[in-house]
Amino acid sequence: MSDYARGETVSIRDFPLGKPSKITGIIVGQRGDYYFVLIKNGLEEGKVKRYNFWDIYSDSEEDEWVD
């Protein structure tokens, strides 16, 4: 399980544990197993959405995808 800090920029994954999409957001809080993310672009821009750790990806994580 990844630990994300408040204020960290993350990308939303296209499906659980999938590849990161172009939708980005900022972690604004955590409660239990959920992270609350302020969406910065896309259709949901400006909304705070709830995600599990497997639905988000941080650029600081090691790249696990090989092209």
PDB file of N, CA and C in Angstrom:
ATOM      1  N   MET A   1       0.838  -1.186   0.000  1.00  0.00           N
ATOM      2  CA  MET A   1       0.000   0.000   0.000  1.00  0.00           C
ATOM      3  C   MET A   1       0.875   1.239   0.000  1.00  0.00           C
ATOM      4  N   SER A   2       0.556   2.191  -0.829  1.00  0.00           N
ATOM      5  CA  SER A   2       1.305   3.432  -0.916  1.00  0.00           C
ATOM      6  C   SER A   2       0.745   4.449   0.068  1.00  0.00           C
ATOM      7  N   ASP A   3       1.645   5.257   0.604  1.00  0.00           N
ATOM      8  CA  ASP A   3       1.228   6.352   1.474  1.00  0.00           C
ATOM      9  C   ASP A   3       1.457   7.653   0.731  1.00  0.00           C
ATOM     10  N   TYR A   4       0.408   8.417   0.564  1.00  0.00           N
ATOM     11  CA  TYR A   4       0.477   9.692  -0.124  1.00  0.00           C
ATOM     12  C   TYR A   4       0.327  10.801   0.903  1.00  0.00           C
ATOM     13  N   ALA A   5       1.054  11.895   0.706  1.00  0.00           N
ATOM     14  CA  ALA A   5       1.006  13.029   1.615  1.00  0.00           C
ATOM     15  C   ALA A   5       0.032  14.073   1.096  1.00  0.00           C
ATOM     16  N   ARG A   6      -0.524  14.846   2.005  1.00  0.00           N
ATOM     17  CA  ARG A   6      -1.405  15.934   1.619  1.00  0.00           C
ATOM     18  C   ARG A   6      -0.628  16.926   0.762  1.00  0.00           C
ATOM     19  N   GLY A   7      -1.215  17.366  -0.340  1.00  0.00           N
ATOM     20  CA  GLY A   7      -0.576  18.304  -1.245  1.00  0.00           C
ATOM     21  C   GLY A   7       0.202  17.642  -2.366  1.00  0.00           C
ATOM     22  N   GLU A   8       0.324  16.320  -2.354  1.00  0.00           N
ATOM     23  CA  GLU A   8       1.060  15.596  -3.390  1.00  0.00           C
ATOM     24  C   GLU A   8       0.224  15.518  -4.669  1.00  0.00           C
ATOM     25  N   THR A   9       0.868  15.715  -5.809  1.00  0.00           N
ATOM     26  CA  THR A   9       0.191  15.628  -7.101  1.00  0.00           C
ATOM     27  C   THR A   9       0.182  14.178  -7.558  1.00  0.00           C
ATOM     28  N   VAL A  10      -0.995  13.708  -7.958  1.00  0.00           N
ATOM     29  CA  VAL A  10      -1.156  12.316  -8.388  1.00  0.00           C
ATOM     30  C   VAL A  10      -1.914  12.268  -9.710  1.00  0.00           C
ATOM     31  N   SER A  11      -1.802  11.134 -10.398  1.00  0.00           N
ATOM     32  CA  SER A  11      -2.581  10.858 -11.603  1.00  0.00           C
ATOM     33  C   SER A  11      -3.604   9.792 -11.276  1.00  0.00           C
ATOM     34  N   ILE A  12      -4.747   9.853 -11.940  1.00  0.00           N
ATOM     35  CA  ILE A  12      -5.796   8.861 -11.750  1.00  0.00           C
ATOM     36  C   ILE A  12      -5.527   7.715 -12.720  1.00  0.00           C
ATOM     37  N   ARG A  13      -5.614   6.489 -12.231  1.00  0.00           N
ATOM     38  CA  ARG A  13      -5.384   5.321 -13.089  1.00  0.00           C
ATOM     39  C   ARG A  13      -6.632   5.026 -13.911  1.00  0.00           C
ATOM     40  N   ASP A  14      -6.442   4.419 -15.092  1.00  0.00           N
ATOM     41  CA  ASP A  14      -7.565   4.125 -15.971  1.00  0.00           C
ATOM     42  C   ASP A  14      -8.419   2.968 -15.450  1.00  0.00           C
ATOM     43  N   PHE A  15      -7.865   2.073 -14.643  1.00  0.00           N
ATOM     44  CA  PHE A  15      -8.593   1.032 -13.929  1.00  0.00           C
ATOM     45  C   PHE A  15      -7.725   0.642 -12.740  1.00  0.00           C
ATOM     46  N   PRO A  16      -8.241  -0.043 -11.718  1.00  0.00           N
ATOM     47  CA  PRO A  16      -7.429  -0.358 -10.542  1.00  0.00           C
ATOM     48  C   PRO A  16      -6.106  -1.020 -10.908  1.00  0.00           C
ATOM     49  N   LEU A  17      -5.022  -0.446 -10.390  1.00  0.00           N
ATOM     50  CA  LEU A  17      -3.649  -0.884 -10.639  1.00  0.00           C
ATOM     51  C   LEU A  17      -3.277  -0.857 -12.118  1.00  0.00           C
ATOM     52  N   GLY A  18      -3.978  -0.043 -12.908  1.00  0.00           N
ATOM     53  CA  GLY A  18      -3.698   0.090 -14.339  1.00  0.00           C
ATOM     54  C   GLY A  18      -2.710   1.210 -14.612  1.00  0.00           C
ATOM     55  N   LYS A  19      -2.621   1.589 -15.871  1.00  0.00           N
ATOM     56  CA  LYS A  19      -1.728   2.663 -16.278  1.00  0.00           C
ATOM     57  C   LYS A  19      -2.316   4.015 -15.878  1.00  0.00           C
ATOM     58  N   PRO A  20      -1.452   4.983 -15.518  1.00  0.00           N
ATOM     59  CA  PRO A  20      -1.952   6.320 -15.182  1.00  0.00           C
ATOM     60  C   PRO A  20      -2.553   7.019 -16.397  1.00  0.00           C
ATOM     61  N   SER A  21      -3.656   7.732 -16.201  1.00  0.00           N
ATOM     62  CA  SER A  21      -4.260   8.506 -17.282  1.00  0.00           C
ATOM     63  C   SER A  21      -3.713   9.932 -17.236  1.00  0.00           C
ATOM     64  N   LYS A  22      -4.240  10.796 -18.082  1.00  0.00           N
ATOM     65  CA  LYS A  22      -3.792  12.186 -18.121  1.00  0.00           C
ATOM     66  C   LYS A  22      -4.531  13.049 -17.105  1.00  0.00           C
ATOM     67  N   ILE A  23      -5.461  12.478 -16.366  1.00  0.00           N
ATOM     68  CA  ILE A  23      -6.200  13.223 -15.339  1.00  0.00           C
ATOM     69  C   ILE A  23      -5.323  13.322 -14.090  1.00  0.00           C
ATOM     70  N   THR A  24      -5.112  14.533 -13.603  1.00  0.00           N
ATOM     71  CA  THR A  24      -4.273  14.745 -12.430  1.00  0.00           C
ATOM     72  C   THR A  24      -5.084  15.404 -11.320  1.00  0.00           C
ATOM     73  N   GLY A  25      -4.545  15.343 -10.128  1.00  0.00           N
ATOM     74  CA  GLY A  25      -5.192  15.949  -8.983  1.00  0.00           C
ATOM     75  C   GLY A  25      -4.213  16.119  -7.837  1.00  0.00           C
ATOM     76  N   ILE A  26      -4.698  16.702  -6.759  1.00  0.00           N
ATOM     77  CA  ILE A  26      -3.897  16.954  -5.572  1.00  0.00           C
ATOM     78  C   ILE A  26      -4.588  16.282  -4.389  1.00  0.00           C
ATOM     79  N   ILE A  27      -3.821  15.563  -3.589  1.00  0.00           N
ATOM     80  CA  ILE A  27      -4.357  14.929  -2.378  1.00  0.00           C
ATOM     81  C   ILE A  27      -4.727  16.029  -1.387  1.00  0.00           C
ATOM     82  N   VAL A  28      -5.988  16.048  -0.951  1.00  0.00           N
ATOM     83  CA  VAL A  28      -6.426  17.054   0.016  1.00  0.00           C
ATOM     84  C   VAL A  28      -6.751  16.445   1.366  1.00  0.00           C
ATOM     85  N   GLY A  29      -6.808  15.123   1.445  1.00  0.00           N
ATOM     86  CA  GLY A  29      -7.080  14.482   2.724  1.00  0.00           C
ATOM     87  C   GLY A  29      -7.117  12.979   2.611  1.00  0.00           C
ATOM     88  N   GLN A  30      -7.176  12.345   3.792  1.00  0.00           N
ATOM     89  CA  GLN A  30      -7.249  10.891   3.855  1.00  0.00           C
ATOM     90  C   GLN A  30      -8.155  10.504   5.016  1.00  0.00           C
ATOM     91  N   ARG A  31      -8.955   9.475   4.799  1.00  0.00           N
ATOM     92  CA  ARG A  31      -9.809   8.950   5.855  1.00  0.00           C
ATOM     93  C   ARG A  31      -9.902   7.446   5.664  1.00  0.00           C
ATOM     94  N   GLY A  32      -9.350   6.704   6.621  1.00  0.00           N
ATOM     95  CA  GLY A  32      -9.342   5.256   6.510  1.00  0.00           C
ATOM     96  C   GLY A  32      -8.501   4.821   5.320  1.00  0.00           C
ATOM     97  N   ASP A  33      -9.089   4.023   4.441  1.00  0.00           N
ATOM     98  CA  ASP A  33      -8.387   3.520   3.252  1.00  0.00           C
ATOM     99  C   ASP A  33      -8.554   4.426   2.043  1.00  0.00           C
ATOM    100  N   TYR A  34      -9.239   5.539   2.187  1.00  0.00           N
ATOM    101  CA  TYR A  34      -9.556   6.404   1.055  1.00  0.00           C
ATOM    102  C   TYR A  34      -8.739   7.689   1.067  1.00  0.00           C
ATOM    103  N   TYR A  35      -8.407   8.153  -0.150  1.00  0.00           N
ATOM    104  CA  TYR A  35      -7.763   9.445  -0.332  1.00  0.00           C
ATOM    105  C   TYR A  35      -8.737  10.358  -1.048  1.00  0.00           C
ATOM    106  N   PHE A  36      -8.796  11.610  -0.637  1.00  0.00           N
ATOM    107  CA  PHE A  36      -9.651  12.601  -1.270  1.00  0.00           C
ATOM    108  C   PHE A  36      -8.779  13.464  -2.171  1.00  0.00           C
ATOM    109  N   VAL A  37      -9.136  13.507  -3.453  1.00  0.00           N
ATOM    110  CA  VAL A  37      -8.312  14.137  -4.480  1.00  0.00           C
ATOM    111  C   VAL A  37      -9.098  15.269  -5.133  1.00  0.00           C
ATOM    112  N   LEU A  38      -8.491  16.474  -5.179  1.00  0.00           N
ATOM    113  CA  LEU A  38      -9.044  17.612  -5.907  1.00  0.00           C
ATOM    114  C   LEU A  38      -8.599  17.469  -7.357  1.00  0.00           C
ATOM    115  N   ILE A  39      -9.543  17.239  -8.263  1.00  0.00           N
ATOM    116  CA  ILE A  39      -9.242  17.014  -9.672  1.00  0.00           C
ATOM    117  C   ILE A  39      -8.847  18.345 -10.324  1.00  0.00           C
ATOM    118  N   LYS A  40      -7.713  18.348 -11.044  1.00  0.00           N
ATOM    119  CA  LYS A  40      -7.175  19.569 -11.634  1.00  0.00           C
ATOM    120  C   LYS A  40      -7.480  19.732 -13.118  1.00  0.00           C
ATOM    121  N   ASN A  41      -7.896  18.671 -13.823  1.00  0.00           N
ATOM    122  CA  ASN A  41      -8.227  18.792 -15.243  1.00  0.00           C
ATOM    123  C   ASN A  41      -9.233  17.714 -15.621  1.00  0.00           C
ATOM    124  N   GLY A  42      -9.818  17.862 -16.773  1.00  0.00           N
ATOM    125  CA  GLY A  42     -10.793  16.880 -17.241  1.00  0.00           C
ATOM    126  C   GLY A  42     -12.220  17.273 -16.909  1.00  0.00           C
ATOM    127  N   LEU A  43     -13.127  16.350 -17.131  1.00  0.00           N
ATOM    128  CA  LEU A  43     -14.551  16.593 -16.963  1.00  0.00           C
ATOM    129  C   LEU A  43     -14.940  16.889 -15.509  1.00  0.00           C
ATOM    130  N   GLU A  44     -14.247  16.301 -14.560  1.00  0.00           N
ATOM    131  CA  GLU A  44     -14.549  16.473 -13.133  1.00  0.00           C
ATOM    132  C   GLU A  44     -13.716  17.582 -12.487  1.00  0.00           C
ATOM    133  N   GLU A  45     -13.141  18.470 -13.274  1.00  0.00           N
ATOM    134  CA  GLU A  45     -12.252  19.518 -12.770  1.00  0.00           C
ATOM    135  C   GLU A  45     -12.916  20.332 -11.653  1.00  0.00           C
ATOM    136  N   GLY A  46     -12.178  20.526 -10.554  1.00  0.00           N
ATOM    137  CA  GLY A  46     -12.663  21.318  -9.435  1.00  0.00           C
ATOM    138  C   GLY A  46     -13.417  20.519  -8.390  1.00  0.00           C
ATOM    139  N   LYS A  47     -13.722  19.266  -8.667  1.00  0.00           N
ATOM    140  CA  LYS A  47     -14.439  18.433  -7.705  1.00  0.00           C
ATOM    141  C   LYS A  47     -13.456  17.639  -6.844  1.00  0.00           C
ATOM    142  N   VAL A  48     -13.873  17.338  -5.626  1.00  0.00           N
ATOM    143  CA  VAL A  48     -13.099  16.470  -4.749  1.00  0.00           C
ATOM    144  C   VAL A  48     -13.716  15.081  -4.838  1.00  0.00           C
ATOM    145  N   LYS A  49     -12.905  14.108  -5.247  1.00  0.00           N
ATOM    146  CA  LYS A  49     -13.369  12.736  -5.439  1.00  0.00           C
ATOM    147  C   LYS A  49     -12.636  11.808  -4.477  1.00  0.00           C
ATOM    148  N   ARG A  50     -13.284  10.706  -4.113  1.00  0.00           N
ATOM    149  CA  ARG A  50     -12.717   9.718  -3.199  1.00  0.00           C
ATOM    150  C   ARG A  50     -12.130   8.555  -4.000  1.00  0.00           C
ATOM    151  N   TYR A  51     -10.879   8.171  -3.701  1.00  0.00           N
ATOM    152  CA  TYR A  51     -10.209   7.084  -4.397  1.00  0.00           C
ATOM    153  C   TYR A  51      -9.483   6.186  -3.396  1.00  0.00           C
ATOM    154  N   ASN A  52      -9.370   4.901  -3.729  1.00  0.00           N
ATOM    155  CA  ASN A  52      -8.500   3.991  -2.995  1.00  0.00           C
ATOM    156  C   ASN A  52      -7.084   4.166  -3.492  1.00  0.00           C
ATOM    157  N   PHE A  53      -6.108   3.619  -2.751  1.00  0.00           N
ATOM    158  CA  PHE A  53      -4.713   3.794  -3.143  1.00  0.00           C
ATOM    159  C   PHE A  53      -4.416   3.162  -4.499  1.00  0.00           C
ATOM    160  N   TRP A  54      -5.158   2.131  -4.885  1.00  0.00           N
ATOM    161  CA  TRP A  54      -4.874   1.466  -6.171  1.00  0.00           C
ATOM    162  C   TRP A  54      -5.475   2.218  -7.360  1.00  0.00           C
ATOM    163  N   ASP A  55      -6.256   3.258  -7.108  1.00  0.00           N
ATOM    164  CA  ASP A  55      -6.841   4.060  -8.182  1.00  0.00           C
ATOM    165  C   ASP A  55      -6.015   5.303  -8.517  1.00  0.00           C
ATOM    166  N   ILE A  56      -4.965   5.581  -7.745  1.00  0.00           N
ATOM    167  CA  ILE A  56      -4.147   6.771  -7.985  1.00  0.00           C
ATOM    168  C   ILE A  56      -2.685   6.376  -8.132  1.00  0.00           C
ATOM    169  N   TYR A  57      -1.913   7.245  -8.780  1.00  0.00           N
ATOM    170  CA  TYR A  57      -0.512   6.990  -9.068  1.00  0.00           C
ATOM    171  C   TYR A  57       0.267   8.287  -8.889  1.00  0.00           C
ATOM    172  N   SER A  58       1.382   8.210  -8.194  1.00  0.00           N
ATOM    173  CA  SER A  58       2.232   9.367  -8.001  1.00  0.00           C
ATOM    174  C   SER A  58       3.444   9.273  -8.926  1.00  0.00           C
ATOM    175  N   ASP A  59       3.891  10.406  -9.462  1.00  0.00           N
ATOM    176  CA  ASP A  59       5.068  10.410 -10.323  1.00  0.00           C
ATOM    177  C   ASP A  59       6.328  10.003  -9.566  1.00  0.00           C
ATOM    178  N   SER A  60       6.299  10.106  -8.242  1.00  0.00           N
ATOM    179  CA  SER A  60       7.471   9.727  -7.449  1.00  0.00           C
ATOM    180  C   SER A  60       7.605   8.212  -7.303  1.00  0.00           C
ATOM    181  N   GLU A  61       6.549   7.450  -7.645  1.00  0.00           N
ATOM    182  CA  GLU A  61       6.628   5.997  -7.585  1.00  0.00           C
ATOM    183  C   GLU A  61       7.515   5.486  -8.711  1.00  0.00           C
ATOM    184  N   GLU A  62       8.137   4.338  -8.492  1.00  0.00           N
ATOM    185  CA  GLU A  62       8.974   3.775  -9.546  1.00  0.00           C
ATOM    186  C   GLU A  62       8.095   3.291 -10.689  1.00  0.00           C
ATOM    187  N   ASP A  63       8.592   3.462 -11.900  1.00  0.00           N
ATOM    188  CA  ASP A  63       7.825   3.103 -13.083  1.00  0.00           C
ATOM    189  C   ASP A  63       7.793   1.589 -13.235  1.00  0.00           C
ATOM    190  N   GLU A  64       6.591   1.007 -13.225  1.00  0.00           N
ATOM    191  CA  GLU A  64       6.453  -0.437 -13.301  1.00  0.00           C
ATOM    192  C   GLU A  64       6.040  -0.905 -14.686  1.00  0.00           C
ATOM    193  N   TRP A  65       5.902   0.026 -15.639  1.00  0.00           N
ATOM    194  CA  TRP A  65       5.453  -0.336 -16.977  1.00  0.00           C
ATOM    195  C   TRP A  65       6.615  -0.358 -17.937  1.00  0.00           C
ATOM    196  N   VAL A  66       6.687  -1.389 -18.745  1.00  0.00           N
ATOM    197  CA  VAL A  66       7.729  -1.525 -19.747  1.00  0.00           C
ATOM    198  C   VAL A  66       7.072  -1.465 -21.116  1.00  0.00           C
ATOM    199  N   ASP A  67       7.538  -0.581 -21.968  1.00  0.00           N
ATOM    200  CA  ASP A  67       6.965  -0.449 -23.318  1.00  0.00           C
ATOM    201  C   ASP A  67       7.639  -1.368 -24.292  1.00  0.00           C
TER     202      ASP A  67
END
